[in-house]
PDB file of all heavy atoms in Angstrom:
ATOM      1  N   GLY A   1       8.914 -15.263   6.300  1.00  0.00           N
ATOM      2  CA  GLY A   1      10.181 -15.389   5.628  1.00  0.00           C
ATOM      3  C   GLY A   1      10.177 -15.350   4.179  1.00  0.00           C
ATOM      4  O   GLY A   1      10.775 -14.601   3.544  1.00  0.00           O
ATOM      5  N   LEU A   2       9.456 -16.452   3.536  1.00  0.00           N
ATOM      6  CA  LEU A   2       9.418 -16.606   2.121  1.00  0.00           C
ATOM      7  C   LEU A   2       8.648 -15.317   1.504  1.00  0.00           C
ATOM      8  O   LEU A   2       8.940 -14.910   0.387  1.00  0.00           O
ATOM      9  CB  LEU A   2       8.759 -17.879   1.678  1.00  0.00           C
ATOM     10  CG  LEU A   2       9.606 -19.064   2.065  1.00  0.00           C
ATOM     11  CD1 LEU A   2       8.778 -20.350   1.679  1.00  0.00           C
ATOM     12  CD2 LEU A   2      10.848 -19.098   1.234  1.00  0.00           C
ATOM     13  N   HIS A   3       7.610 -14.783   2.177  1.00  0.00           N
ATOM     14  CA  HIS A   3       6.879 -13.752   1.680  1.00  0.00           C
ATOM     15  C   HIS A   3       7.887 -12.467   1.563  1.00  0.00           C
ATOM     16  O   HIS A   3       7.798 -11.806   0.520  1.00  0.00           O
ATOM     17  CB  HIS A   3       5.705 -13.418   2.642  1.00  0.00           C
ATOM     18  CG  HIS A   3       4.972 -12.241   2.228  1.00  0.00           C
ATOM     19  ND1 HIS A   3       4.185 -12.159   1.089  1.00  0.00           N
ATOM     20  CD2 HIS A   3       4.693 -10.971   2.825  1.00  0.00           C
ATOM     21  CE1 HIS A   3       3.514 -11.022   0.998  1.00  0.00           C
ATOM     22  NE2 HIS A   3       3.818 -10.243   2.032  1.00  0.00           N
ATOM     23  N   LEU A   4       8.576 -12.169   2.637  1.00  0.00           N
ATOM     24  CA  LEU A   4       9.519 -11.131   2.601  1.00  0.00           C
ATOM     25  C   LEU A   4      10.524 -11.287   1.622  1.00  0.00           C
ATOM     26  O   LEU A   4      11.030 -10.396   0.842  1.00  0.00           O
ATOM     27  CB  LEU A   4      10.151 -10.970   3.970  1.00  0.00           C
ATOM     28  CG  LEU A   4       9.300 -10.163   4.957  1.00  0.00           C
ATOM     29  CD1 LEU A   4       9.946 -10.269   6.487  1.00  0.00           C
ATOM     30  CD2 LEU A   4       9.187  -8.829   4.601  1.00  0.00           C
ATOM     31  N   SER A   5      11.149 -12.516   1.530  1.00  0.00           N
ATOM     32  CA  SER A   5      12.211 -12.823   0.589  1.00  0.00           C
ATOM     33  C   SER A   5      11.754 -12.592  -0.908  1.00  0.00           C
ATOM     34  O   SER A   5      12.534 -12.005  -1.621  1.00  0.00           O
ATOM     35  CB  SER A   5      12.583 -14.371   0.622  1.00  0.00           C
ATOM     36  OG  SER A   5      13.185 -14.572   1.898  1.00  0.00           O
ATOM     37  N   GLN A   6      10.491 -12.961  -1.282  1.00  0.00           N
ATOM     38  CA  GLN A   6      10.057 -12.646  -2.549  1.00  0.00           C
ATOM     39  C   GLN A   6       9.832 -11.301  -2.890  1.00  0.00           C
ATOM     40  O   GLN A   6      10.337 -10.757  -3.887  1.00  0.00           O
ATOM     41  CB  GLN A   6       8.668 -13.355  -2.765  1.00  0.00           C
ATOM     42  CG  GLN A   6       7.995 -13.286  -4.175  1.00  0.00           C
ATOM     43  CD  GLN A   6       8.831 -14.147  -5.190  1.00  0.00           C
ATOM     44  OE1 GLN A   6       9.863 -13.568  -5.658  1.00  0.00           O
ATOM     45  NE2 GLN A   6       8.404 -15.294  -5.596  1.00  0.00           N
ATOM     46  N   LYS A   7       9.444 -10.515  -1.899  1.00  0.00           N
ATOM     47  CA  LYS A   7       9.217  -9.032  -2.021  1.00  0.00           C
ATOM     48  C   LYS A   7      10.565  -8.354  -2.194  1.00  0.00           C
ATOM     49  O   LYS A   7      10.675  -7.404  -2.995  1.00  0.00           O
ATOM     50  CB  LYS A   7       8.451  -8.373  -0.827  1.00  0.00           C
ATOM     51  CG  LYS A   7       6.897  -8.635  -0.968  1.00  0.00           C
ATOM     52  CD  LYS A   7       6.190  -7.590  -0.060  1.00  0.00           C
ATOM     53  CE  LYS A   7       4.784  -7.556  -0.472  1.00  0.00           C
ATOM     54  NZ  LYS A   7       4.029  -6.334   0.163  1.00  0.00           N
ATOM     55  N   LEU A   8      11.461  -8.820  -1.352  1.00  0.00           N
ATOM     56  CA  LEU A   8      12.862  -8.156  -1.370  1.00  0.00           C
ATOM     57  C   LEU A   8      13.500  -8.461  -2.781  1.00  0.00           C
ATOM     58  O   LEU A   8      14.128  -7.641  -3.371  1.00  0.00           O
ATOM     59  CB  LEU A   8      13.739  -8.626  -0.211  1.00  0.00           C
ATOM     60  CG  LEU A   8      13.281  -8.166   1.214  1.00  0.00           C
ATOM     61  CD1 LEU A   8      14.113  -8.819   2.222  1.00  0.00           C
ATOM     62  CD2 LEU A   8      13.521  -6.633   1.334  1.00  0.00           C
ATOM     63  N   ALA A   9      13.406  -9.755  -3.181  1.00  0.00           N
ATOM     64  CA  ALA A   9      14.071 -10.082  -4.514  1.00  0.00           C
ATOM     65  C   ALA A   9      13.438  -9.301  -5.652  1.00  0.00           C
ATOM     66  O   ALA A   9      14.042  -8.742  -6.543  1.00  0.00           O
ATOM     67  CB  ALA A   9      13.826 -11.615  -4.762  1.00  0.00           C
ATOM     68  N   GLN A  10      12.070  -9.108  -5.547  1.00  0.00           N
ATOM     69  CA  GLN A  10      11.399  -8.326  -6.652  1.00  0.00           C
ATOM     70  C   GLN A  10      11.807  -6.929  -6.634  1.00  0.00           C
ATOM     71  O   GLN A  10      11.966  -6.324  -7.529  1.00  0.00           O
ATOM     72  CB  GLN A  10       9.895  -8.475  -6.492  1.00  0.00           C
ATOM     73  CG  GLN A  10       9.351  -9.868  -6.849  1.00  0.00           C
ATOM     74  CD  GLN A  10       7.912 -10.073  -6.482  1.00  0.00           C
ATOM     75  OE1 GLN A  10       7.330  -9.178  -5.735  1.00  0.00           O
ATOM     76  NE2 GLN A  10       7.261 -11.007  -6.921  1.00  0.00           N
ATOM     77  N   LEU A  11      12.097  -6.334  -5.388  1.00  0.00           N
ATOM     78  CA  LEU A  11      12.577  -5.008  -5.305  1.00  0.00           C
ATOM     79  C   LEU A  11      13.796  -4.803  -5.780  1.00  0.00           C
ATOM     80  O   LEU A  11      14.241  -3.644  -6.376  1.00  0.00           O
ATOM     81  CB  LEU A  11      12.618  -4.642  -3.749  1.00  0.00           C
ATOM     82  CG  LEU A  11      12.821  -3.137  -3.328  1.00  0.00           C
ATOM     83  CD1 LEU A  11      11.693  -2.293  -3.707  1.00  0.00           C
ATOM     84  CD2 LEU A  11      13.085  -3.135  -1.844  1.00  0.00           C
ATOM     85  N   MET A  12      14.631  -5.878  -5.988  1.00  0.00           N
ATOM     86  CA  MET A  12      15.978  -5.714  -6.564  1.00  0.00           C
ATOM     87  C   MET A  12      16.002  -6.249  -8.058  1.00  0.00           C
ATOM     88  O   MET A  12      17.112  -6.454  -8.494  1.00  0.00           O
ATOM     89  CB  MET A  12      16.990  -6.660  -5.689  1.00  0.00           C
ATOM     90  CG  MET A  12      17.206  -5.983  -4.311  1.00  0.00           C
ATOM     91  SD  MET A  12      18.435  -6.882  -3.396  1.00  0.00           S
ATOM     92  CE  MET A  12      17.594  -8.432  -2.961  1.00  0.00           C
ATOM     93  N   GLY A  13      14.743  -6.472  -8.645  1.00  0.00           N
ATOM     94  CA  GLY A  13      14.678  -6.920 -10.078  1.00  0.00           C
ATOM     95  C   GLY A  13      14.864  -8.386 -10.238  1.00  0.00           C
ATOM     96  O   GLY A  13      15.179  -8.825 -11.267  1.00  0.00           O
ATOM     97  N   GLY A  14      14.697  -9.220  -9.169  1.00  0.00           N
ATOM     98  CA  GLY A  14      14.860 -10.707  -9.280  1.00  0.00           C
ATOM     99  C   GLY A  14      13.543 -11.275  -8.829  1.00  0.00           C
ATOM    100  O   GLY A  14      12.399 -10.795  -8.851  1.00  0.00           O
ATOM    101  N   ALA A  15      13.713 -12.645  -8.424  1.00  0.00           N
ATOM    102  CA  ALA A  15      12.566 -13.404  -8.073  1.00  0.00           C
ATOM    103  C   ALA A  15      13.104 -14.601  -7.313  1.00  0.00           C
ATOM    104  O   ALA A  15      14.198 -15.050  -7.553  1.00  0.00           O
ATOM    105  CB  ALA A  15      11.698 -13.855  -9.222  1.00  0.00           C
ATOM    106  N   VAL A  16      12.045 -15.240  -6.409  1.00  0.00           N
ATOM    107  CA  VAL A  16      12.340 -16.376  -5.680  1.00  0.00           C
ATOM    108  C   VAL A  16      11.439 -17.546  -6.324  1.00  0.00           C
ATOM    109  O   VAL A  16      10.260 -17.287  -6.514  1.00  0.00           O
ATOM    110  CB  VAL A  16      12.291 -16.274  -4.296  1.00  0.00           C
ATOM    111  CG1 VAL A  16      12.405 -17.653  -3.538  1.00  0.00           C
ATOM    112  CG2 VAL A  16      13.058 -15.219  -3.682  1.00  0.00           C
ATOM    113  N   SER A  17      11.951 -18.627  -6.547  1.00  0.00           N
ATOM    114  CA  SER A  17      11.260 -19.732  -7.137  1.00  0.00           C
ATOM    115  C   SER A  17      11.481 -20.989  -6.447  1.00  0.00           C
ATOM    116  O   SER A  17      12.416 -21.101  -5.598  1.00  0.00           O
ATOM    117  CB  SER A  17      11.691 -19.892  -8.711  1.00  0.00           C
ATOM    118  OG  SER A  17      11.400 -18.755  -9.345  1.00  0.00           O
ATOM    119  N   LEU A  18      10.680 -22.109  -6.725  1.00  0.00           N
ATOM    120  CA  LEU A  18      10.921 -23.343  -6.134  1.00  0.00           C
ATOM    121  C   LEU A  18      10.390 -24.541  -6.952  1.00  0.00           C
ATOM    122  O   LEU A  18       9.604 -24.337  -7.794  1.00  0.00           O
ATOM    123  CB  LEU A  18      10.171 -23.363  -4.751  1.00  0.00           C
ATOM    124  CG  LEU A  18       8.655 -23.637  -4.746  1.00  0.00           C
ATOM    125  CD1 LEU A  18       8.252 -24.985  -4.268  1.00  0.00           C
ATOM    126  CD2 LEU A  18       7.948 -22.473  -3.956  1.00  0.00           C
ATOM    127  N   THR A  19      11.052 -25.685  -6.562  1.00  0.00           N
ATOM    128  CA  THR A  19      10.524 -27.008  -6.976  1.00  0.00           C
ATOM    129  C   THR A  19      10.574 -27.925  -5.863  1.00  0.00           C
ATOM    130  O   THR A  19      11.409 -27.761  -5.073  1.00  0.00           O
ATOM    131  CB  THR A  19      11.384 -27.602  -8.338  1.00  0.00           C
ATOM    132  OG1 THR A  19      12.622 -27.835  -7.837  1.00  0.00           O
ATOM    133  CG2 THR A  19      11.161 -26.712  -9.536  1.00  0.00           C
ATOM    134  N   SER A  20       9.624 -28.745  -5.745  1.00  0.00           N
ATOM    135  CA  SER A  20       9.617 -29.607  -4.554  1.00  0.00           C
ATOM    136  C   SER A  20       9.003 -30.964  -4.850  1.00  0.00           C
ATOM    137  O   SER A  20       8.043 -31.110  -5.752  1.00  0.00           O
ATOM    138  CB  SER A  20       8.773 -29.048  -3.336  1.00  0.00           C
ATOM    139  OG  SER A  20       8.872 -29.810  -2.259  1.00  0.00           O
ATOM    140  N   ASP A  21       9.517 -32.008  -4.297  1.00  0.00           N
ATOM    141  CA  ASP A  21       8.993 -33.431  -4.459  1.00  0.00           C
ATOM    142  C   ASP A  21       8.652 -33.810  -3.015  1.00  0.00           C
ATOM    143  O   ASP A  21       9.502 -34.122  -2.279  1.00  0.00           O
ATOM    144  CB  ASP A  21      10.059 -34.352  -4.994  1.00  0.00           C
ATOM    145  CG  ASP A  21       9.506 -35.741  -5.397  1.00  0.00           C
ATOM    146  OD1 ASP A  21       8.279 -35.898  -5.135  1.00  0.00           O
ATOM    147  OD2 ASP A  21      10.192 -36.607  -5.912  1.00  0.00           O
ATOM    148  N   TYR A  22       7.246 -33.914  -2.753  1.00  0.00           N
ATOM    149  CA  TYR A  22       6.807 -34.127  -1.386  1.00  0.00           C
ATOM    150  C   TYR A  22       7.301 -35.477  -0.832  1.00  0.00           C
ATOM    151  O   TYR A  22       7.287 -36.572  -1.435  1.00  0.00           O
ATOM    152  CB  TYR A  22       5.312 -34.204  -1.239  1.00  0.00           C
ATOM    153  CG  TYR A  22       4.741 -34.228   0.058  1.00  0.00           C
ATOM    154  CD1 TYR A  22       5.079 -33.332   1.060  1.00  0.00           C
ATOM    155  CD2 TYR A  22       4.126 -35.430   0.501  1.00  0.00           C
ATOM    156  CE1 TYR A  22       4.579 -33.436   2.395  1.00  0.00           C
ATOM    157  CE2 TYR A  22       3.559 -35.572   1.794  1.00  0.00           C
ATOM    158  CZ  TYR A  22       3.874 -34.544   2.682  1.00  0.00           C
ATOM    159  OH  TYR A  22       3.439 -34.630   3.996  1.00  0.00           O
ATOM    160  N   GLY A  23       8.009 -35.317   0.343  1.00  0.00           N
ATOM    161  CA  GLY A  23       8.582 -36.413   1.030  1.00  0.00           C
ATOM    162  C   GLY A  23      10.012 -36.747   0.569  1.00  0.00           C
ATOM    163  O   GLY A  23      10.710 -37.530   1.155  1.00  0.00           O
ATOM    164  N   LYS A  24      10.587 -35.937  -0.433  1.00  0.00           N
ATOM    165  CA  LYS A  24      11.934 -36.276  -0.847  1.00  0.00           C
ATOM    166  C   LYS A  24      12.921 -34.997  -0.842  1.00  0.00           C
ATOM    167  O   LYS A  24      14.034 -35.186  -0.682  1.00  0.00           O
ATOM    168  CB  LYS A  24      11.925 -36.773  -2.347  1.00  0.00           C
ATOM    169  CG  LYS A  24      11.297 -38.040  -2.425  1.00  0.00           C
ATOM    170  CD  LYS A  24      11.398 -38.499  -3.974  1.00  0.00           C
ATOM    171  CE  LYS A  24      10.697 -39.885  -4.074  1.00  0.00           C
ATOM    172  NZ  LYS A  24      10.708 -40.397  -5.521  1.00  0.00           N
TER     173      LYS A  24
END
């Protein structure tokens, strides 16, 4: 899912990013 989402976003000139706090 995330792999495809990143590829599709890049195909449209965008990007997928994230921040995370483990456990929160």
